[in-house]
C-alpha cells in the first residue's frame, strides 16, 4: 500500500519537475525479491495516478527497475576497488564483537591494510576518508556537516559480489541523470555516505532536500503498525483524491497568507522546495476531513453523483441492487452534498429511500420516542394523510400545527417522525425527504412505528 508520506514526497517531486521542465522518475528498487511483487508495483502506479502523478504525462518516466541495472552496479563496485577507494573484508560480526567488546560499535577498519582480494564471502567496504567532514547541501535543512571520523567503512558489495542499496542507488541516480533528490528525512543519515560515493565515482552529487517527518496526534512518526497510513485506505473511505492532494501538499509547506483550499495547479505554481519547513508535520485527520467536505461541496451535481456511485452499488450499498433508483437519488443528492464529510457517509443519508423498511438506530429510537411520541405519530399521520399537496412547505406547516397542539417546538415534534421514517435522528431535511419518499410509504412507516411503541408498552 502507498504510504501518505510517500505520496507527499511524490507530489513535491512532481511539482519541482513540472515547474522546471524536468522529469519525475519512478524507480522500483526491487533487489529484495521478498518485497517485490508485480501487483505491488501496479498499486504504486495506480496510487500515483490517483493523485495526479500520471504516467501519461510527458514529465513522467518509468517505472524503471533497479534489478535491470545490476551489471552497472557491479562494474561500479569493481572500479572503486581498482581505484583504491574500497577494499575486501572477511570479518564476521562475531569477530568484530570480540575485537571491539560490543556488538553495537561500528566497523573498526581491521581489513583496511590487509590487501585482500575477492573471494566468496568477502564483503567490499568503502574506504571513508580519515579526516575532514562531509557537508550535505540541503534545500530544506541547510548544510549539515558529518565528520568523516564518525562514518565507518561501510559495505558497498556483499560477500556474493552483489552491490548493496547505497551503491545501487547512487549508480542508478547517476545513470538516469538525477539532479535533485527530494525524500523523507529518515534518509538523511545515508546521505553523507551516498555523497562520498558520488564523489568517488567522479560525479557531482545531486541537490538534496530532506522533507520533515509526518507525525500523528501524539507527535509519533506515522507507522503502518499503529496508524492509518495507506493512501488507498483514505480513498476507500471516501476522501476525494483532490482533497488528499491539497492536504498532503501542506504537510510541511504553505502557500502564504490564509489560503489553504487551492487546486493543484495553483499549489504547483506557488510551491518552492526551499520554503519547506524542517519541523515535523502533523497529519491531522480532522483537518483532512474538513478539507474533504469543502471539496465535496464544490463538485458539480454530475461529479458528485459519479463520486458517490461506488457507495450506491454493491458491495457498499445495504439495499438490493434492484431497489436503487438513480432518479430518486438525484432528487436528494443536492441535500446530501451539503452535509457529507466523506463519500462513504452517503449510504447512511439515503438508505431509507431504497430499503423496504428503515433500519432503526436504537440509540436514536430511545432518544426520540418519548412519552408523547405515540400521539405525535398519530397526529402527524392524520395531517399528512389529509395534506392536499405533497410538498415540503405544506408538510412542514401541517406538522407545526401538531406541535402547537402538544405545546412543542417544531424541532421536538420532528424527532419521532424522523426516526420513524428514516431510522435516525440526524439526516437530510425532513420534509424534503418525505416528499421524495412519498405519501404512502411515509404513512406506512409512521403506522409501523406506532405499532412498535404500542407493543413495547403492552409488554
Protein backbone atom coordinates (compact mmCIF):
# COMPACT_ATOMS: atom_id res chain seq x y z
CA UNK A 1 0.00 0.00 0.00
CA UNK A 2 1.15 3.53 -0.78
CA UNK A 3 2.15 5.45 2.38
CA UNK A 4 0.82 9.01 2.63
CA UNK A 5 4.39 10.12 3.35
CA UNK A 6 5.47 8.64 0.03
CA UNK A 7 2.53 10.39 -1.62
CA UNK A 8 3.63 13.73 -0.13
CA UNK A 9 7.21 13.16 -1.35
CA UNK A 10 5.92 12.24 -4.81
CA UNK A 11 3.81 15.41 -5.01
CA UNK A 12 6.76 17.61 -4.06
CA UNK A 13 8.97 15.89 -6.63
CA UNK A 14 6.21 16.22 -9.23
CA UNK A 15 5.80 19.93 -8.57
CA UNK A 16 9.54 20.61 -8.84
CA UNK A 17 9.89 18.51 -12.01
CA UNK A 18 6.98 20.23 -13.76
CA UNK A 19 8.00 23.72 -12.64
CA UNK A 20 11.49 23.28 -14.07
CA UNK A 21 10.57 21.43 -17.24
CA UNK A 22 12.28 18.39 -15.77
CA UNK A 23 11.36 14.76 -15.35
CA UNK A 24 9.84 12.83 -12.46
CA UNK A 25 11.43 9.37 -12.35
CA UNK A 26 9.68 6.39 -10.80
CA UNK A 27 12.24 3.73 -9.96
CA UNK A 28 11.30 0.44 -8.36
CA UNK A 29 14.17 -0.62 -6.13
CA UNK A 30 13.45 -4.32 -6.44
CA UNK A 31 16.70 -6.02 -5.48
CA UNK A 32 14.97 -7.53 -2.42
CA UNK A 33 12.91 -10.29 -4.07
CA UNK A 34 10.83 -10.92 -0.94
CA UNK A 35 9.50 -7.36 -1.07
CA UNK A 36 8.83 -7.27 -4.80
CA UNK A 37 5.59 -8.41 -6.44
CA UNK A 38 4.07 -7.24 -9.74
CA UNK A 39 0.74 -6.36 -8.10
CA UNK A 40 2.52 -4.08 -5.62
CA UNK A 41 4.15 -2.21 -8.50
CA UNK A 42 0.75 -1.83 -10.15
CA UNK A 43 -0.54 -0.46 -6.85
CA UNK A 44 2.20 2.18 -6.74
CA UNK A 45 1.49 3.28 -10.32
CA UNK A 46 -2.28 3.45 -9.75
CA UNK A 47 -1.88 5.29 -6.43
CA UNK A 48 0.35 7.87 -8.09
CA UNK A 49 -2.18 8.27 -10.89
CA UNK A 50 -4.92 8.84 -8.30
CA UNK A 51 -3.07 11.91 -7.01
CA UNK A 52 -2.35 13.23 -10.50
CA UNK A 53 1.21 11.90 -10.92
CA UNK A 54 0.41 10.17 -14.15
CA UNK A 55 2.48 8.02 -16.46
CA UNK A 56 0.55 9.62 -19.32
CA UNK A 57 2.20 12.98 -18.60
CA UNK A 58 5.40 13.82 -20.54
CA UNK A 59 7.05 14.77 -17.24
CA UNK A 60 6.78 11.17 -16.01
CA UNK A 61 9.37 8.47 -16.71
CA UNK A 62 9.35 4.87 -15.59
CA UNK A 63 8.85 2.66 -13.89
CA UNK A 64 12.50 1.68 -14.09
CA UNK A 65 13.73 -1.36 -12.19
CA UNK A 66 16.90 -1.36 -10.13
CA UNK A 67 17.46 -5.05 -10.84
CA UNK A 68 17.86 -4.26 -14.55
CA UNK A 69 21.00 -2.26 -13.76
CA UNK A 70 22.77 -4.96 -11.76
CA UNK A 71 25.71 -5.20 -14.19
CA UNK A 72 26.44 -1.48 -13.83
CA UNK A 73 26.24 -1.74 -10.04
CA UNK A 74 28.86 -4.49 -10.06
CA UNK A 75 31.01 -2.57 -12.53
CA UNK A 76 30.96 0.49 -10.25
CA UNK A 77 31.92 -1.56 -7.20
CA UNK A 78 34.90 -3.08 -9.06
CA UNK A 79 36.03 0.33 -10.31
CA UNK A 80 36.02 1.67 -6.76
CA UNK A 81 38.19 -1.26 -5.68
CA UNK A 82 40.61 -0.76 -8.55
CA UNK A 83 40.92 2.94 -7.68
CA UNK A 84 41.77 2.11 -4.08
CA UNK A 85 38.53 3.59 -2.78
CA UNK A 86 37.29 0.24 -1.48
CA UNK A 87 38.78 -2.95 -0.02
CA UNK A 88 37.69 -6.51 0.68
CA UNK A 89 36.92 -7.64 4.21
CA UNK A 90 36.41 -11.10 5.66
CA UNK A 91 35.45 -10.01 9.18
CA UNK A 92 32.44 -11.70 10.71
CA UNK A 93 30.07 -10.00 13.11
CA UNK A 94 31.33 -12.29 15.87
CA UNK A 95 34.99 -11.41 15.21
CA UNK A 96 34.20 -7.69 15.22
CA UNK A 97 32.34 -8.02 18.52
CA UNK A 98 35.30 -9.81 20.07
CA UNK A 99 37.69 -7.09 18.93
CA UNK A 100 35.58 -4.12 19.97
CA UNK A 101 33.93 -5.63 23.02
CA UNK A 102 30.47 -4.62 21.80
CA UNK A 103 28.12 -5.77 19.08
CA UNK A 104 26.82 -2.21 18.69
CA UNK A 105 30.03 -0.45 17.69
CA UNK A 106 30.76 0.24 14.02
CA UNK A 107 33.41 -1.41 11.90
CA UNK A 108 36.95 -0.85 13.19
CA UNK A 109 38.85 -0.85 9.85
CA UNK A 110 40.65 -4.14 10.59
CA UNK A 111 40.98 -5.15 6.91
CA UNK A 112 41.95 -1.72 5.54
CA UNK A 113 45.63 -2.62 5.10
CA UNK A 114 45.41 -6.38 4.63
CA UNK A 115 45.21 -6.18 0.83
CA UNK A 116 42.66 -8.98 0.47
CA UNK A 117 41.43 -9.96 -2.97
CA UNK A 118 37.91 -11.06 -3.71
CA UNK A 119 36.77 -14.46 -2.57
CA UNK A 120 33.20 -15.62 -1.98
CA UNK A 121 32.11 -14.43 1.43
CA UNK A 122 34.30 -11.34 1.47
CA UNK A 123 32.40 -8.04 1.51
CA UNK A 124 33.64 -4.92 -0.26
CA UNK A 125 33.90 -1.87 2.02
CA UNK A 126 34.19 1.77 1.02
CA UNK A 127 37.32 3.47 2.34
CA UNK A 128 35.93 6.52 4.12
CA UNK A 129 38.37 9.46 4.29
CA UNK A 130 40.14 9.59 7.65
CA UNK A 131 39.95 13.34 8.09
CA UNK A 132 37.67 16.23 7.33
CA UNK A 133 33.91 16.25 7.08
CA UNK A 134 31.23 15.67 4.51
CA UNK A 135 28.91 18.66 4.12
CA UNK A 136 25.47 17.98 2.68
CA UNK A 137 23.92 21.00 0.96
CA UNK A 138 20.23 20.51 1.67
CA UNK A 139 17.50 22.84 0.39
CA UNK A 140 15.38 22.17 3.49
CA UNK A 141 17.99 21.67 6.23
CA UNK A 142 20.81 24.00 5.27
CA UNK A 143 24.30 22.50 5.30
CA UNK A 144 24.56 19.74 7.93
CA UNK A 145 28.15 18.54 8.36
CA UNK A 146 29.12 14.94 9.16
CA UNK A 147 32.64 14.26 10.50
CA UNK A 148 34.24 11.57 8.35
CA UNK A 149 35.68 10.02 11.51
CA UNK A 150 32.09 9.17 12.53
CA UNK A 151 31.34 7.36 9.25
CA UNK A 152 32.53 3.77 9.32
CA UNK A 153 33.97 1.98 6.28
CA UNK A 154 30.56 0.84 5.08
CA UNK A 155 29.81 -2.19 2.91
CA UNK A 156 29.08 -1.48 -0.75
CA UNK A 157 29.01 -5.09 -2.03
CA UNK A 158 28.03 -8.29 -0.25
CA UNK A 159 30.02 -11.46 0.06
CA UNK A 160 28.48 -12.80 -3.16
CA UNK A 161 29.60 -9.68 -5.06
CA UNK A 162 26.15 -8.11 -5.30
CA UNK A 163 26.15 -4.37 -4.52
CA UNK A 164 24.07 -3.12 -1.59
CA UNK A 165 21.36 -0.50 -1.85
CA UNK A 166 23.57 2.52 -1.10
CA UNK A 167 25.79 1.91 -4.10
CA UNK A 168 22.98 0.74 -6.39
CA UNK A 169 21.01 3.86 -5.56
CA UNK A 170 23.92 6.16 -6.43
CA UNK A 171 24.72 4.35 -9.69
CA UNK A 172 21.06 4.43 -10.76
CA UNK A 173 20.79 8.14 -9.99
CA UNK A 174 23.97 8.76 -11.94
CA UNK A 175 22.87 6.71 -14.96
CA UNK A 176 19.37 8.23 -15.01
CA UNK A 177 20.66 11.79 -14.80
CA UNK A 178 19.03 12.58 -11.46
CA UNK A 179 19.81 16.18 -10.47
CA UNK A 180 17.52 16.57 -7.46
CA UNK A 181 16.72 14.05 -4.73
CA UNK A 182 13.66 15.02 -2.65
CA UNK A 183 12.85 12.45 0.02
CA UNK A 184 11.98 11.89 3.67
CA UNK A 185 14.33 12.94 6.45
CA UNK A 186 14.87 9.33 7.53
CA UNK A 187 17.26 9.07 4.58
CA UNK A 188 19.41 11.98 5.74
CA UNK A 189 21.73 9.68 7.70
CA UNK A 190 22.53 7.81 4.46
CA UNK A 191 23.26 10.97 2.51
CA UNK A 192 26.90 11.58 3.54
CA UNK A 193 27.74 8.02 2.53
CA UNK A 194 25.98 8.46 -0.81
CA UNK A 195 27.67 11.80 -1.36
CA UNK A 196 31.06 10.20 -0.74
CA UNK A 197 30.19 7.55 -3.32
CA UNK A 198 29.17 10.20 -5.88
CA UNK A 199 32.48 11.96 -5.38
CA UNK A 200 34.45 8.70 -5.53
CA UNK A 201 32.81 7.97 -8.88
CA UNK A 202 33.99 11.39 -10.12
CA UNK A 203 30.45 12.74 -10.32
CA UNK A 204 28.76 15.86 -8.94
CA UNK A 205 26.21 14.92 -6.25
CA UNK A 206 22.58 15.92 -6.82
CA UNK A 207 20.79 18.67 -4.95
CA UNK A 208 19.38 17.19 -1.74
CA UNK A 209 16.12 18.06 0.01
CA UNK A 210 15.04 16.03 3.03
CA UNK A 211 11.39 16.51 3.95
CA UNK A 212 10.07 16.69 7.51
CA UNK A 213 8.76 13.53 9.11
CA UNK A 214 4.96 13.21 9.32
CA UNK A 215 3.63 12.55 12.83
CA UNK A 216 0.30 11.59 14.43
CA UNK A 217 -1.61 13.44 17.17
CA UNK A 218 0.84 12.09 19.77
CA UNK A 219 3.72 13.51 17.71
CA UNK A 220 4.90 9.99 16.89
CA UNK A 221 6.11 9.21 13.40
CA UNK A 222 3.26 7.76 11.33
CA UNK A 223 3.58 4.00 11.44
CA UNK A 224 1.71 1.39 9.41
CA UNK A 225 1.64 -0.78 12.52
CA UNK A 226 -0.18 1.88 14.54
CA UNK A 227 -1.75 4.47 12.22
CA UNK A 228 -3.82 4.53 9.07
CA UNK A 229 -1.15 5.48 6.55
CA UNK A 230 -2.16 3.96 3.19
CA UNK A 231 -3.38 6.41 0.57
CA UNK A 232 -5.68 3.69 -0.80
CA UNK A 233 -7.40 3.35 2.59
CA UNK A 234 -8.29 7.04 2.61
CA UNK A 235 -9.67 6.85 -0.93
CA UNK A 236 -11.66 3.72 0.00
CA UNK A 237 -13.12 5.59 2.98
CA UNK A 238 -14.42 8.34 0.75
CA UNK A 239 -11.73 11.01 0.65
CA UNK A 240 -11.51 12.68 -2.75
CA UNK A 241 -8.07 12.50 -4.38
CA UNK A 242 -8.08 16.27 -4.96
CA UNK A 243 -8.67 16.88 -1.25
CA UNK A 244 -5.87 14.46 -0.35
CA UNK A 245 -3.51 16.18 -2.76
CA UNK A 246 -4.34 19.62 -1.36
CA UNK A 247 -3.85 18.47 2.22
CA UNK A 248 -0.65 16.49 1.58
CA UNK A 249 0.94 19.46 -0.19
CA UNK A 250 0.50 21.48 3.03
CA UNK A 251 2.32 18.97 5.26
CA UNK A 252 5.47 21.00 5.72
CA UNK A 253 4.78 23.84 3.31
CA UNK A 254 2.22 26.58 2.85
CA UNK A 255 1.30 28.94 0.01
CA UNK A 256 1.37 32.00 2.26
CA UNK A 257 -1.46 34.08 3.68
CA UNK A 258 -4.62 32.41 4.93
CA UNK A 259 -5.20 30.36 1.80
CA UNK A 260 -5.33 26.60 2.22
CA UNK A 261 -8.02 25.24 -0.10
CA UNK A 262 -6.37 25.57 -3.51
CA UNK A 263 -6.48 23.49 -6.71
CA UNK A 264 -3.34 21.57 -7.51
CA UNK A 265 -2.27 23.73 -10.50
CA UNK A 266 -2.19 26.75 -8.18
CA UNK A 267 -0.32 24.79 -5.49
CA UNK A 268 2.20 23.63 -8.08
CA UNK A 269 2.73 27.18 -9.31
CA UNK A 270 3.33 28.52 -5.79
CA UNK A 271 5.36 25.62 -4.41
CA UNK A 272 9.01 26.20 -3.57
CA UNK A 273 11.04 23.36 -2.12
CA UNK A 274 13.25 25.92 -0.36
CA UNK A 275 10.22 27.06 1.67
CA UNK A 276 9.51 23.62 3.15
CA UNK A 277 9.72 23.68 6.94
CA UNK A 278 12.19 21.28 8.54
CA UNK A 279 9.96 20.71 11.60
CA UNK A 280 7.78 17.62 11.78
CA UNK A 281 4.35 17.87 10.11
CA UNK A 282 1.20 16.82 11.99
CA UNK A 283 -1.17 14.61 10.00
CA UNK A 284 -4.46 15.97 11.30
CA UNK A 285 -7.25 13.65 10.15
CA UNK A 286 -9.93 16.09 11.35
CA UNK A 287 -8.46 18.84 9.18
CA UNK A 288 -8.18 16.49 6.22
CA UNK A 289 -11.83 15.56 6.69
CA UNK A 290 -12.80 19.23 6.75
CA UNK A 291 -10.85 19.73 3.51
CA UNK A 292 -12.71 16.79 2.03
CA UNK A 293 -16.08 18.27 2.91
CA UNK A 294 -15.11 21.50 1.16
CA UNK A 295 -14.12 19.58 -1.96
CA UNK A 296 -17.33 17.54 -1.92
CA UNK A 297 -19.45 20.69 -1.73
CA UNK A 298 -17.53 22.17 -4.66
CA UNK A 299 -18.37 19.27 -7.01
CA UNK A 300 -20.85 19.76 -9.81
CA UNK A 301 -24.07 17.69 -9.46
CA UNK A 302 -22.84 15.24 -12.10
CA UNK A 303 -19.42 14.93 -10.50
CA UNK A 304 -20.98 14.41 -7.07
CA UNK A 305 -23.21 11.63 -8.39
CA UNK A 306 -20.23 9.97 -10.09
CA UNK A 307 -18.13 10.24 -6.92
CA UNK A 308 -20.91 8.63 -4.85
CA UNK A 309 -21.57 5.87 -7.37
CA UNK A 310 -19.23 3.25 -5.79
CA UNK A 311 -21.10 3.53 -2.47
CA UNK A 312 -24.51 3.27 -4.10
CA UNK A 313 -23.80 -0.15 -5.58
CA UNK A 314 -22.58 -3.49 -4.24
CA UNK A 315 -20.70 -4.25 -2.08
CA UNK A 316 -21.08 -0.95 -0.20
CA UNK A 317 -24.82 -0.39 -0.56
CA UNK A 318 -27.03 -2.02 2.14
CA UNK A 319 -30.02 -2.30 -0.21
CA UNK A 320 -30.75 -4.77 -3.04
CA UNK A 321 -29.47 -3.64 -6.41
CA UNK A 322 -32.98 -3.71 -7.82
CA UNK A 323 -34.16 -1.22 -5.18
CA UNK A 324 -31.84 1.57 -6.26
CA UNK A 325 -33.36 4.30 -8.41
CA UNK A 326 -30.94 6.92 -9.83
CA UNK A 327 -33.76 9.45 -10.25
CA UNK A 328 -34.64 9.17 -6.56
CA UNK A 329 -31.02 9.70 -5.61
CA UNK A 330 -30.80 12.70 -7.93
CA UNK A 331 -33.75 14.26 -6.10
CA UNK A 332 -31.94 14.22 -2.73
CA UNK A 333 -28.32 14.49 -3.92
CA UNK A 334 -28.15 18.30 -3.53
CA UNK A 335 -29.37 17.96 0.06
CA UNK A 336 -26.80 15.26 0.86
CA UNK A 337 -23.92 17.05 -0.85
CA UNK A 338 -24.01 19.92 1.63
CA UNK A 339 -23.76 17.53 4.59
CA UNK A 340 -21.16 14.93 3.67
CA UNK A 341 -17.62 15.00 5.03
CA UNK A 342 -16.83 11.58 3.50
CA UNK A 343 -18.34 9.99 0.42
CA UNK A 344 -18.82 6.77 2.38
CA UNK A 345 -21.42 8.57 4.53
CA UNK A 346 -23.83 8.79 1.61
CA UNK A 347 -25.47 5.43 2.30
CA UNK A 348 -26.50 6.44 5.83
CA UNK A 349 -28.18 9.55 4.43
CA UNK A 350 -30.19 7.88 1.66
CA UNK A 351 -30.67 4.23 2.71
CA UNK A 352 -34.22 4.91 3.98
CA UNK A 353 -35.25 5.64 0.39
CA UNK A 354 -34.10 2.30 -1.03
CA UNK A 355 -34.75 -0.12 1.84
CA UNK A 356 -38.19 -1.69 2.27
CA UNK A 357 -38.12 -0.59 5.91
CA UNK A 358 -35.77 1.84 7.66
CA UNK A 359 -33.02 0.40 9.83
CA UNK A 360 -33.68 1.99 13.20
CA UNK A 361 -30.66 3.12 15.15
CA UNK A 362 -31.63 2.01 18.65
CA UNK A 363 -29.93 4.93 20.36
CA UNK A 364 -31.85 7.32 18.10
CA UNK A 365 -35.08 5.43 18.78
CA UNK A 366 -34.64 5.65 22.54
CA UNK A 367 -33.80 9.37 22.33
CA UNK A 368 -36.75 10.32 20.10
CA UNK A 369 -39.56 8.07 21.28
CA UNK A 370 -40.57 9.80 24.50
CA UNK A 371 -43.95 9.51 26.26
CA UNK A 372 -45.68 11.81 23.78
CA UNK A 373 -44.28 10.01 20.72
CA UNK A 374 -47.42 7.87 20.01
CA UNK A 375 -49.71 10.88 19.90
CA UNK A 376 -47.20 12.83 17.79
CA UNK A 377 -47.02 9.94 15.32
CA UNK A 378 -50.80 9.67 15.15
CA UNK A 379 -51.21 13.42 14.74
CA UNK A 380 -48.58 13.58 12.00
CA UNK A 381 -50.13 10.65 10.16
CA UNK A 382 -53.53 12.36 10.22
CA UNK A 383 -52.38 15.73 8.91
CA UNK A 384 -50.07 14.15 6.33
CA UNK A 385 -52.86 11.92 5.04
CA UNK A 386 -55.11 14.97 4.67
CA UNK A 387 -52.47 17.20 3.05
CA UNK A 388 -53.91 18.41 -0.28
CA UNK A 389 -50.44 18.86 -1.75
CA UNK A 390 -47.50 16.51 -1.03
CA UNK A 391 -44.80 19.16 -0.88
CA UNK A 392 -42.24 20.27 1.69
CA UNK A 393 -43.78 23.54 2.84
CA UNK A 394 -47.35 22.23 3.33
CA UNK A 395 -45.99 19.20 5.21
CA UNK A 396 -43.96 21.47 7.47
CA UNK A 397 -47.00 23.65 8.20
CA UNK A 398 -49.05 20.55 8.93
CA UNK A 399 -46.55 19.24 11.48
CA UNK A 400 -46.23 22.70 13.04
CA UNK A 401 -49.95 22.53 13.81
CA UNK A 402 -49.47 19.16 15.53
CA UNK A 403 -46.54 20.54 17.51
CA UNK A 404 -48.61 23.53 18.63
CA UNK A 405 -51.37 21.23 19.89
CA UNK A 406 -48.78 19.48 22.08
CA UNK A 407 -47.16 22.73 23.20
CA UNK A 408 -43.91 21.77 21.49
CA UNK A 409 -41.47 23.43 19.16
CA UNK A 410 -41.24 22.00 15.66
CA UNK A 411 -37.78 20.52 16.28
CA UNK A 412 -39.04 18.42 19.18
CA UNK A 413 -42.11 17.27 17.25
CA UNK A 414 -39.95 16.27 14.26
CA UNK A 415 -37.79 13.85 16.23
CA UNK A 416 -40.12 10.82 16.42
CA UNK A 417 -41.30 11.44 12.85
CA UNK A 418 -37.74 11.50 11.52
CA UNK A 419 -36.72 8.32 13.37
CA UNK A 420 -39.88 6.51 12.30
CA UNK A 421 -39.33 7.37 8.66
CA UNK A 422 -35.52 7.39 8.27
CA UNK A 423 -34.29 5.38 11.28
CA UNK A 424 -32.04 8.16 12.62
CA UNK A 425 -32.22 11.46 14.45
CA UNK A 426 -29.80 13.12 12.03
CA UNK A 427 -30.09 13.17 8.27
CA UNK A 428 -31.41 15.08 5.31
CA UNK A 429 -34.02 17.84 5.76
CA UNK A 430 -37.12 16.01 6.94
CA UNK A 431 -39.85 17.48 4.79
CA UNK A 432 -37.88 17.29 1.55
CA UNK A 433 -37.14 13.66 2.45
CA UNK A 434 -40.82 12.92 2.95
CA UNK A 435 -41.63 14.38 -0.46
CA UNK A 436 -39.17 12.02 -2.17
CA UNK A 437 -40.23 9.02 -0.06
CA UNK A 438 -43.87 9.55 -0.99
CA UNK A 439 -47.13 9.74 0.94
CA UNK A 440 -47.91 6.02 1.03
CA UNK A 441 -44.50 4.89 2.33
CA UNK A 442 -44.38 7.76 4.84
CA UNK A 443 -47.77 6.88 6.33
CA UNK A 444 -46.87 3.18 6.45
CA UNK A 445 -43.70 3.90 8.41
CA UNK A 446 -45.48 6.17 10.86
CA UNK A 447 -48.02 3.43 11.48
CA UNK A 448 -45.29 0.79 11.91
CA UNK A 449 -43.52 2.95 14.48
CA UNK A 450 -46.73 3.49 16.40
CA UNK A 451 -47.37 -0.29 16.45
CA UNK A 452 -43.86 -0.91 17.78
CA UNK A 453 -44.42 1.57 20.58
CA UNK A 454 -47.75 0.03 21.42
CA UNK A 455 -46.24 -3.46 21.52
CA UNK A 456 -43.43 -2.25 23.77
CA UNK A 457 -45.95 -0.61 26.10
CA UNK A 458 -48.11 -3.72 26.28
CA UNK A 459 -45.14 -5.92 27.10
